[in-house]
Amino acid sequence: MHVVIIGNGITGVTAAREIRKRQPRWRITMISAESERHWSRPALMYVYMGHMRLQDTQPYPDHFWAKNRIDLVRAHVSAIDVSSRTLTFAGGGAMTYDKLLVATGSQPNRFGWPGQDLARVQGMYSLQDLELLEQNSVGLSHAVIVGGGLIGIEMAEMLHSRGVHVTFLVREERYWSNILPSEESRIIERVIAAEGIDLRLGTELTEIHGDERGEACAVTTSSGDRIACQLVGLTAGVRPNLSAVAGSAIETGRGVLVDDTLATSAPHVWAAGDCAEIRRPEGARNLMQQVWYTGRLQAEVAAANICGDEAPYDPGIWFNSAKFFDLEWQTYGMVPSRPGEGQRSLYWEAPDRRTCVRLVANGDGTLHSMHAFGIRYRHRVCEGWIRDRLPISEVLERLPEANFDPEFYKRHERQIAAAMRSQL
């Protein structure tokens, strides 16, 4: 039995490991056009900032792959023939499979901006993007970043760490307004401004201008401003990378369409991770989850089903975390930007105007979701409270149980509980 995995990110490598555990004798091949070996994508920014070396982002030693009999192929899959179970490579050659997992991840969005194909215009997602940014950083003094999500602020921090002046264009009237309530958005905006970033809210990119060498030299915004620069970072979100399945019999929507076992419409083919779109019952929006830990969870489910052990995917309770310069954020459950029908939102903010906690209650007064900026809470504790539908009143009493900030950090649980009880 030959299992082929297209993609060597967290989803691909987790699936390979899980299949090997279940099937010691099967042949496993991982294919990636980006790199030969797996590396940690969330650590990409720290390589550029000088905190890590590229080899430090590779969690498995070189001998791991041979020891576990996982073959690595550096190639770009240009076509999939599901009838003959054959993959065709862009540079020539082909490979057959018995079972196939598509784990091709995401790619940066581009929205047809004039000048987006000029030199010195790039995203920040892949290893090749990192290499290109190193090249584009030579002589760089001013960069414009377009898009107000997590990738955008990471790129801003990367460039800022090297003394580059950054202008940050965000289309919405507040930062990450589709995800965060207004108070939290304003906290991040203050952090960005305090770092010296030129944050321009409610401002869209209209055109990128090039010089006589075909390199970006300025942008024009929706407010009519012309901003001179030597680099334009396009970080307006990502979309599933469907290049490998294009033209095949594998059905796609926004992503590769799969059922709750992560099986595609084609026999013997599964998909997982950022590229997968999980079908939901009629009337419900299909599920797409594009974060590190869901890629790992989906890989485990896909591996079980590939090996013949039926296992439906349970998305569980949502979790995410990020860092906005030096400000940490964790969210447990899906905190809405505005409370839904019957929900109630309780909010506390510290006098420093950058530390906060929000609890969202269901209509029956139990915990629906929560998040924190500047305070670390234990994932398993918070997840258990949400899963067990703990009453908000009891959550407030037990907040100290969840705090795992290091010793000598200031504790706020007493003030948080008092403020939220008054809101109740």
Protein backbone atom coordinates (compact mmCIF):
# COMPACT_ATOMS: atom_id res chain seq x y z
CA MET A 1 0.00 0.00 0.00
CA HIS A 2 1.42 3.36 -1.08
CA VAL A 3 0.10 6.52 0.63
CA VAL A 4 1.10 9.84 -0.93
CA ILE A 5 0.74 13.12 0.93
CA ILE A 6 0.91 16.40 -1.00
CA GLY A 7 2.23 19.03 1.41
CA ASN A 8 4.73 18.88 4.25
CA GLY A 9 3.28 21.40 6.70
CA ILE A 10 1.90 20.51 10.12
CA THR A 11 -1.01 18.63 8.51
CA GLY A 12 1.11 16.59 6.13
CA VAL A 13 3.77 15.61 8.64
CA THR A 14 1.24 14.76 11.37
CA ALA A 15 -0.66 12.53 8.96
CA ALA A 16 2.57 10.77 7.92
CA ARG A 17 3.51 10.08 11.54
CA GLU A 18 0.01 8.81 12.43
CA ILE A 19 -0.16 6.53 9.39
CA ARG A 20 3.25 5.11 10.21
CA LYS A 21 2.13 4.35 13.79
CA ARG A 22 -0.92 2.48 12.49
CA GLN A 23 0.66 0.82 9.45
CA PRO A 24 4.35 -0.06 9.98
CA ARG A 25 4.70 -1.71 6.56
CA TRP A 26 2.99 0.76 4.26
CA ARG A 27 5.02 2.95 1.93
CA ILE A 28 4.61 6.69 2.67
CA THR A 29 5.72 9.53 0.38
CA MET A 30 5.51 13.25 1.19
CA ILE A 31 5.67 15.71 -1.72
CA SER A 32 6.39 19.42 -1.35
CA ALA A 33 7.45 22.10 -3.82
CA GLU A 34 8.27 24.53 -1.01
CA SER A 35 10.96 22.61 0.87
CA GLU A 36 12.29 19.11 1.23
CA ARG A 37 11.74 18.86 4.98
CA HIS A 38 9.04 20.04 7.35
CA TRP A 39 9.62 23.28 9.23
CA SER A 40 7.49 25.33 11.62
CA ARG A 41 5.60 28.04 9.75
CA PRO A 42 4.70 30.08 12.89
CA ALA A 43 8.45 30.48 13.55
CA LEU A 44 9.14 32.06 10.16
CA MET A 45 9.16 35.62 11.47
CA TYR A 46 11.76 34.82 14.14
CA VAL A 47 14.28 33.70 11.53
CA TYR A 48 14.08 37.09 9.82
CA MET A 49 14.30 38.89 13.19
CA GLY A 50 17.46 36.95 14.10
CA HIS A 51 15.94 35.10 17.07
CA MET A 52 16.26 31.69 15.41
CA ARG A 53 18.14 29.99 12.61
CA LEU A 54 16.19 28.20 9.89
CA GLN A 55 17.45 24.83 11.13
CA ASP A 56 16.02 25.68 14.56
CA THR A 57 12.51 25.71 13.02
CA GLN A 58 12.82 22.08 11.89
CA PRO A 59 11.40 19.94 14.75
CA TYR A 60 12.67 16.63 13.33
CA PRO A 61 16.34 15.73 12.77
CA ASP A 62 17.43 14.66 9.31
CA HIS A 63 17.59 10.99 10.31
CA PHE A 64 13.91 11.01 11.39
CA TRP A 65 12.62 10.52 7.87
CA ALA A 66 14.75 7.50 7.02
CA LYS A 67 14.17 5.97 10.46
CA ASN A 68 10.39 6.20 9.97
CA ARG A 69 10.65 5.23 6.28
CA ILE A 70 8.95 8.40 5.05
CA ASP A 71 10.16 9.25 1.55
CA LEU A 72 10.55 12.96 0.75
CA VAL A 73 10.08 14.28 -2.79
CA ARG A 74 10.70 17.89 -3.80
CA ALA A 75 8.27 18.53 -6.64
CA HIS A 76 5.20 20.50 -7.67
CA VAL A 77 2.11 18.42 -8.45
CA SER A 78 0.57 19.87 -11.60
CA ALA A 79 -2.20 17.30 -12.18
CA ILE A 80 -4.07 14.49 -10.42
CA ASP A 81 -5.74 11.71 -12.42
CA VAL A 82 -8.03 9.98 -9.93
CA SER A 83 -9.06 7.26 -12.40
CA SER A 84 -5.50 5.97 -12.79
CA ARG A 85 -4.39 7.24 -9.36
CA THR A 86 -1.51 9.14 -10.93
CA LEU A 87 0.19 12.41 -10.01
CA THR A 88 2.01 14.42 -12.67
CA PHE A 89 4.89 16.71 -11.73
CA ALA A 90 5.43 20.15 -13.25
CA GLY A 91 9.08 19.46 -14.00
CA GLY A 92 8.35 16.12 -15.61
CA GLY A 93 7.76 12.68 -14.19
CA ALA A 94 4.83 11.06 -12.43
CA MET A 95 3.97 8.95 -9.41
CA THR A 96 1.14 6.54 -8.67
CA TYR A 97 -0.64 6.17 -5.35
CA ASP A 98 -3.05 3.80 -3.66
CA LYS A 99 -4.35 6.45 -1.25
CA LEU A 100 -3.82 10.19 -1.44
CA LEU A 101 -3.99 13.01 1.12
CA VAL A 102 -4.13 16.59 -0.17
CA ALA A 103 -2.62 18.89 2.48
CA THR A 104 -1.53 21.81 0.32
CA GLY A 105 -2.35 24.56 2.85
CA SER A 106 -3.05 28.17 1.89
CA GLN A 107 -1.74 30.91 -0.34
CA PRO A 108 -1.92 34.71 0.05
CA ASN A 109 -4.91 36.57 -1.37
CA ARG A 110 -4.46 38.96 -4.24
CA PHE A 111 -7.36 41.11 -5.35
CA GLY A 112 -6.24 42.39 -8.73
CA TRP A 113 -4.63 45.60 -7.52
CA PRO A 114 -2.91 47.51 -10.35
CA GLY A 115 0.83 46.92 -9.97
CA GLN A 116 0.55 43.86 -7.74
CA ASP A 117 2.89 41.89 -10.02
CA LEU A 118 5.73 44.41 -9.83
CA ALA A 119 9.06 43.46 -8.27
CA ARG A 120 9.38 44.28 -4.55
CA VAL A 121 5.71 43.37 -4.01
CA GLN A 122 5.23 40.20 -1.97
CA GLY A 123 3.30 38.27 0.64
CA MET A 124 4.69 36.62 3.76
CA TYR A 125 3.66 32.97 3.95
CA SER A 126 6.23 30.58 2.52
CA LEU A 127 9.92 29.84 2.85
CA GLN A 128 10.37 31.44 -0.57
CA ASP A 129 8.65 34.57 0.76
CA LEU A 130 11.21 34.74 3.57
CA GLU A 131 14.08 34.44 1.11
CA LEU A 132 12.54 37.12 -1.10
CA LEU A 133 12.05 39.44 1.87
CA GLU A 134 15.74 39.12 2.70
CA GLN A 135 16.56 40.20 -0.85
CA ASN A 136 14.03 43.04 -0.76
CA SER A 137 15.36 44.29 2.59
CA VAL A 138 18.62 45.50 1.07
CA GLY A 139 18.51 49.31 1.21
CA LEU A 140 14.93 49.21 2.51
CA SER A 141 13.81 52.24 4.54
CA HIS A 142 10.02 52.41 4.06
CA ALA A 143 7.48 49.64 3.49
CA VAL A 144 3.71 49.68 3.02
CA ILE A 145 1.74 46.70 4.33
CA VAL A 146 -1.78 46.07 3.08
CA GLY A 147 -4.21 44.05 5.21
CA GLY A 148 -5.04 44.14 8.91
CA GLY A 149 -4.87 40.51 10.02
CA LEU A 150 -2.30 38.45 11.88
CA ILE A 151 0.10 38.04 8.95
CA GLY A 152 0.12 41.79 8.41
CA ILE A 153 1.08 42.65 11.96
CA GLU A 154 3.74 39.92 11.96
CA MET A 155 5.29 41.39 8.82
CA ALA A 156 5.13 44.86 10.37
CA GLU A 157 6.99 43.62 13.44
CA MET A 158 9.59 41.85 11.29
CA LEU A 159 10.41 44.96 9.28
CA HIS A 160 10.20 47.24 12.32
CA SER A 161 12.82 45.07 14.07
CA ARG A 162 15.29 46.08 11.34
CA GLY A 163 14.55 49.77 11.59
CA VAL A 164 12.26 49.95 8.56
CA HIS A 165 9.49 52.56 8.75
CA VAL A 166 6.15 50.82 8.16
CA THR A 167 2.86 52.28 6.93
CA PHE A 168 0.03 49.87 7.67
CA LEU A 169 -3.14 50.15 5.53
CA VAL A 170 -6.29 48.62 7.06
CA ARG A 171 -9.51 48.75 5.07
CA GLU A 172 -11.80 48.54 8.10
CA GLU A 173 -12.46 51.42 10.49
CA ARG A 174 -10.81 49.49 13.32
CA TYR A 175 -8.18 46.78 13.47
CA TRP A 176 -9.43 43.20 12.85
CA SER A 177 -13.04 44.31 13.31
CA ASN A 178 -14.48 41.11 11.84
CA ILE A 179 -12.88 39.12 14.68
CA LEU A 180 -12.53 41.36 17.74
CA PRO A 181 -14.95 43.53 19.74
CA SER A 182 -14.21 47.25 19.56
CA GLU A 183 -12.44 47.54 22.94
CA GLU A 184 -9.89 44.87 22.01
CA SER A 185 -9.36 46.39 18.56
CA ARG A 186 -8.53 49.71 20.17
CA ILE A 187 -6.02 48.05 22.50
CA ILE A 188 -4.13 46.61 19.54
CA GLU A 189 -4.28 49.93 17.71
CA ARG A 190 -2.64 51.61 20.72
CA VAL A 191 0.08 48.93 20.78
CA ILE A 192 0.76 49.41 17.07
CA ALA A 193 0.92 53.19 17.45
CA ALA A 194 3.21 52.93 20.49
CA GLU A 195 5.70 50.96 18.36
CA GLY A 196 5.89 53.82 15.87
CA ILE A 197 3.93 52.12 13.09
CA ASP A 198 1.96 54.47 10.82
CA LEU A 199 -1.45 52.79 11.12
CA ARG A 200 -4.06 54.09 8.67
CA LEU A 201 -7.54 52.77 9.36
CA GLY A 202 -10.38 52.96 6.86
CA THR A 203 -7.80 53.15 4.08
CA GLU A 204 -7.60 50.90 1.02
CA LEU A 205 -4.88 50.30 -1.53
CA THR A 206 -5.89 51.51 -4.99
CA GLU A 207 -2.66 51.18 -6.99
CA ILE A 208 1.00 50.20 -6.70
CA HIS A 209 3.34 52.33 -8.80
CA GLY A 210 6.56 51.10 -10.39
CA ASP A 211 9.78 52.78 -11.38
CA GLU A 212 11.81 52.41 -14.58
CA ARG A 213 13.23 49.09 -13.31
CA GLY A 214 9.77 47.61 -12.80
CA GLU A 215 10.07 47.78 -9.00
CA ALA A 216 7.45 49.14 -6.61
CA CYS A 217 8.25 52.72 -5.63
CA ALA A 218 4.96 54.08 -4.24
CA VAL A 219 1.30 53.32 -3.58
CA THR A 220 -1.87 55.34 -3.94
CA THR A 221 -4.59 54.94 -1.29
CA SER A 222 -8.36 55.37 -1.34
CA SER A 223 -7.92 58.71 0.45
CA GLY A 224 -5.85 59.97 -2.47
CA ASP A 225 -2.49 59.88 -0.72
CA ARG A 226 0.63 58.81 -2.59
CA ILE A 227 3.10 57.06 -0.28
CA ALA A 228 6.67 56.53 -1.47
CA CYS A 229 8.15 53.16 -0.47
CA GLN A 230 10.56 50.45 -1.59
CA LEU A 231 8.43 47.43 -0.61
CA VAL A 232 4.73 46.56 -0.61
CA GLY A 233 3.58 43.66 1.58
CA LEU A 234 0.28 42.12 0.54
CA THR A 235 -1.14 40.41 3.63
CA ALA A 236 -4.90 40.60 3.05
CA GLY A 237 -5.61 37.08 4.29
CA VAL A 238 -5.15 33.69 2.68
CA ARG A 239 -7.18 31.27 0.61
CA PRO A 240 -6.90 27.49 0.11
CA ASN A 241 -4.12 26.43 -2.25
CA LEU A 242 -6.00 24.43 -4.90
CA SER A 243 -3.30 24.37 -7.58
CA ALA A 244 -2.68 20.63 -7.27
CA VAL A 245 -6.36 19.67 -7.66
CA ALA A 246 -7.20 22.17 -10.41
CA GLY A 247 -8.64 20.38 -13.45
CA SER A 248 -9.07 17.09 -11.59
CA ALA A 249 -12.25 15.22 -10.71
CA ILE A 250 -11.85 16.26 -7.06
CA GLU A 251 -14.73 18.60 -6.20
CA THR A 252 -13.88 22.03 -4.82
CA GLY A 253 -15.71 25.05 -3.46
CA ARG A 254 -13.78 27.64 -1.53
CA GLY A 255 -11.50 24.73 -0.63
CA VAL A 256 -11.29 20.99 -1.35
CA LEU A 257 -14.74 19.72 -0.39
CA VAL A 258 -14.70 16.87 2.14
CA ASP A 259 -17.16 15.07 4.42
CA ASP A 260 -16.72 14.68 8.17
CA THR A 261 -14.22 11.85 7.61
CA LEU A 262 -12.22 14.29 5.42
CA ALA A 263 -12.84 12.13 2.34
CA THR A 264 -13.17 14.05 -0.94
CA SER A 265 -15.60 13.37 -3.78
CA ALA A 266 -12.96 11.18 -5.45
CA PRO A 267 -12.34 7.61 -4.25
CA HIS A 268 -9.16 6.99 -2.24
CA VAL A 269 -8.52 10.74 -1.82
CA TRP A 270 -8.72 12.78 1.40
CA ALA A 271 -7.94 16.42 2.19
CA ALA A 272 -7.12 18.14 5.49
CA GLY A 273 -5.79 21.37 6.93
CA ASP A 274 -6.00 24.85 5.46
CA CYS A 275 -7.04 23.61 2.02
CA ALA A 276 -10.05 21.58 3.25
CA GLU A 277 -13.66 22.77 3.26
CA ILE A 278 -15.84 20.50 5.42
CA ARG A 279 -19.39 20.08 4.21
CA ARG A 280 -22.10 20.94 6.74
CA PRO A 281 -25.80 20.07 6.78
CA GLU A 282 -27.97 22.01 4.36
CA GLY A 283 -28.43 25.58 5.50
CA ALA A 284 -25.22 25.63 7.56
CA ARG A 285 -22.07 27.30 6.30
CA ASN A 286 -19.30 24.86 5.38
CA LEU A 287 -16.44 24.74 7.88
CA MET A 288 -12.95 26.02 7.09
CA GLN A 289 -10.38 26.11 9.88
CA GLN A 290 -7.00 27.58 9.00
CA VAL A 291 -4.91 27.51 12.16
CA TRP A 292 -2.03 25.32 13.30
CA TYR A 293 -3.80 23.11 15.82
CA THR A 294 -6.83 22.32 13.62
CA GLY A 295 -4.44 21.28 10.86
CA ARG A 296 -2.90 18.81 13.30
CA LEU A 297 -6.30 17.52 14.52
CA GLN A 298 -7.61 17.06 10.99
CA ALA A 299 -4.44 15.19 10.05
CA GLU A 300 -5.00 12.71 12.86
CA VAL A 301 -8.58 12.09 11.70
CA ALA A 302 -7.57 11.78 8.04
CA ALA A 303 -4.81 9.32 8.94
CA ALA A 304 -7.23 7.14 10.89
CA ASN A 305 -9.67 7.00 7.99
CA ILE A 306 -6.93 6.38 5.44
CA CYS A 307 -5.91 3.38 7.54
CA GLY A 308 -9.48 2.07 7.63
CA ASP A 309 -10.38 3.16 11.17
CA GLU A 310 -13.59 5.17 10.85
CA ALA A 311 -13.25 8.47 12.71
CA PRO A 312 -15.41 11.57 12.14
CA TYR A 313 -13.84 14.98 12.63
CA ASP A 314 -15.05 16.87 15.70
CA PRO A 315 -13.91 20.51 15.54
CA GLY A 316 -14.33 20.77 19.31
CA ILE A 317 -14.05 24.09 21.12
CA TRP A 318 -12.29 26.79 19.14
CA PHE A 319 -8.92 28.01 20.35
CA ASN A 320 -6.42 30.47 18.97
CA SER A 321 -3.52 32.57 20.17
CA ALA A 322 -1.31 35.29 18.74
CA LYS A 323 1.11 38.03 19.67
CA PHE A 324 0.77 41.68 18.70
CA PHE A 325 4.34 42.86 19.16
CA ASP A 326 4.80 42.15 22.90
CA LEU A 327 1.09 41.74 23.72
CA GLU A 328 -0.14 38.15 24.00
CA TRP A 329 -3.70 37.07 23.19
CA GLN A 330 -5.54 33.79 23.75
CA THR A 331 -9.13 32.97 22.91
CA TYR A 332 -11.16 29.99 24.13
CA GLY A 333 -14.38 29.36 22.23
CA MET A 334 -15.52 31.75 19.51
CA VAL A 335 -15.76 35.24 21.04
CA PRO A 336 -18.03 37.22 18.68
CA SER A 337 -17.21 40.77 17.64
CA ARG A 338 -20.74 41.56 18.81
CA PRO A 339 -22.81 39.38 21.18
CA GLY A 340 -25.29 37.12 19.43
CA GLU A 341 -28.95 36.81 20.25
CA GLY A 342 -29.39 35.99 23.93
CA GLN A 343 -25.68 36.34 24.67
CA ARG A 344 -24.19 38.70 27.21
CA SER A 345 -20.66 40.09 27.11
CA LEU A 346 -18.73 41.02 30.26
CA TYR A 347 -15.55 43.06 29.90
CA TRP A 348 -12.73 44.22 32.16
CA GLU A 349 -9.78 46.39 31.20
CA ALA A 350 -6.78 47.25 33.38
CA PRO A 351 -5.64 50.85 33.95
CA ASP A 352 -2.69 50.21 31.60
CA ARG A 353 -5.25 50.09 28.75
CA ARG A 354 -3.63 47.00 27.21
CA THR A 355 -4.59 44.17 29.58
CA CYS A 356 -8.15 42.89 29.38
CA VAL A 357 -10.46 39.89 29.79
CA ARG A 358 -13.82 39.25 28.15
CA LEU A 359 -16.35 36.56 29.10
CA VAL A 360 -19.34 35.83 26.88
CA ALA A 361 -22.37 34.18 28.52
CA ASN A 362 -25.03 32.02 26.90
CA GLY A 363 -28.66 32.92 27.45
CA ASP A 364 -28.79 30.61 30.48
CA GLY A 365 -25.87 32.36 32.15
CA THR A 366 -23.24 29.70 31.36
CA LEU A 367 -19.87 30.37 29.78
CA HIS A 368 -19.93 30.50 25.98
CA SER A 369 -16.40 31.79 25.28
CA MET A 370 -13.64 33.97 26.70
CA HIS A 371 -10.41 35.63 25.76
CA ALA A 372 -7.60 37.57 27.36
CA PHE A 373 -4.95 40.09 26.35
CA GLY A 374 -1.86 40.32 28.52
CA ILE A 375 -2.94 37.50 30.88
CA ARG A 376 -2.19 33.82 30.32
CA TYR A 377 -4.93 31.31 31.15
CA ARG A 378 -4.70 27.53 31.03
CA HIS A 379 -6.20 26.15 27.84
CA ARG A 380 -7.55 22.93 29.37
CA VAL A 381 -9.17 24.72 32.30
CA CYS A 382 -10.96 27.28 30.13
CA GLU A 383 -11.97 24.64 27.58
CA GLY A 384 -13.42 22.53 30.40
CA TRP A 385 -15.49 25.43 31.71
CA ILE A 386 -16.98 26.00 28.25
CA ARG A 387 -17.57 22.31 27.59
CA ASP A 388 -19.22 21.82 31.00
CA ARG A 389 -21.30 25.00 30.59
CA LEU A 390 -20.10 26.39 33.89
CA PRO A 391 -22.19 29.34 35.20
CA ILE A 392 -20.46 32.70 34.80
CA SER A 393 -20.76 33.30 38.53
CA GLU A 394 -18.72 30.16 39.19
CA VAL A 395 -16.18 31.05 36.49
CA LEU A 396 -15.53 34.34 38.26
CA GLU A 397 -14.88 32.53 41.51
CA ARG A 398 -12.52 30.08 39.86
CA LEU A 399 -10.54 32.44 37.61
CA PRO A 400 -7.35 32.08 39.72
CA GLU A 401 -7.32 28.34 38.91
CA ALA A 402 -6.78 29.13 35.23
CA ASN A 403 -4.06 31.77 35.58
CA PHE A 404 -0.60 30.47 34.78
CA ASP A 405 1.38 33.69 34.48
CA PRO A 406 4.90 33.32 35.86
CA GLU A 407 5.74 34.23 39.44
CA PHE A 408 5.90 37.98 40.18
CA TYR A 409 3.41 38.82 37.42
CA LYS A 410 0.63 41.06 38.67
CA ARG A 411 -2.61 39.14 39.29
CA HIS A 412 -5.91 40.78 38.37
CA GLU A 413 -8.54 38.12 39.12
CA ARG A 414 -10.02 39.91 42.13
CA GLN A 415 -10.55 43.12 40.15
CA ILE A 416 -11.88 41.20 37.13
CA ALA A 417 -14.45 39.34 39.24
CA ALA A 418 -15.60 42.51 41.02
CA ALA A 419 -15.99 44.44 37.75
CA MET A 420 -17.89 41.65 36.02
CA ARG A 421 -20.18 40.98 38.99
CA SER A 422 -21.20 44.63 38.86
CA GLN A 423 -22.04 44.20 35.15
CA LEU A 424 -24.18 41.17 35.98
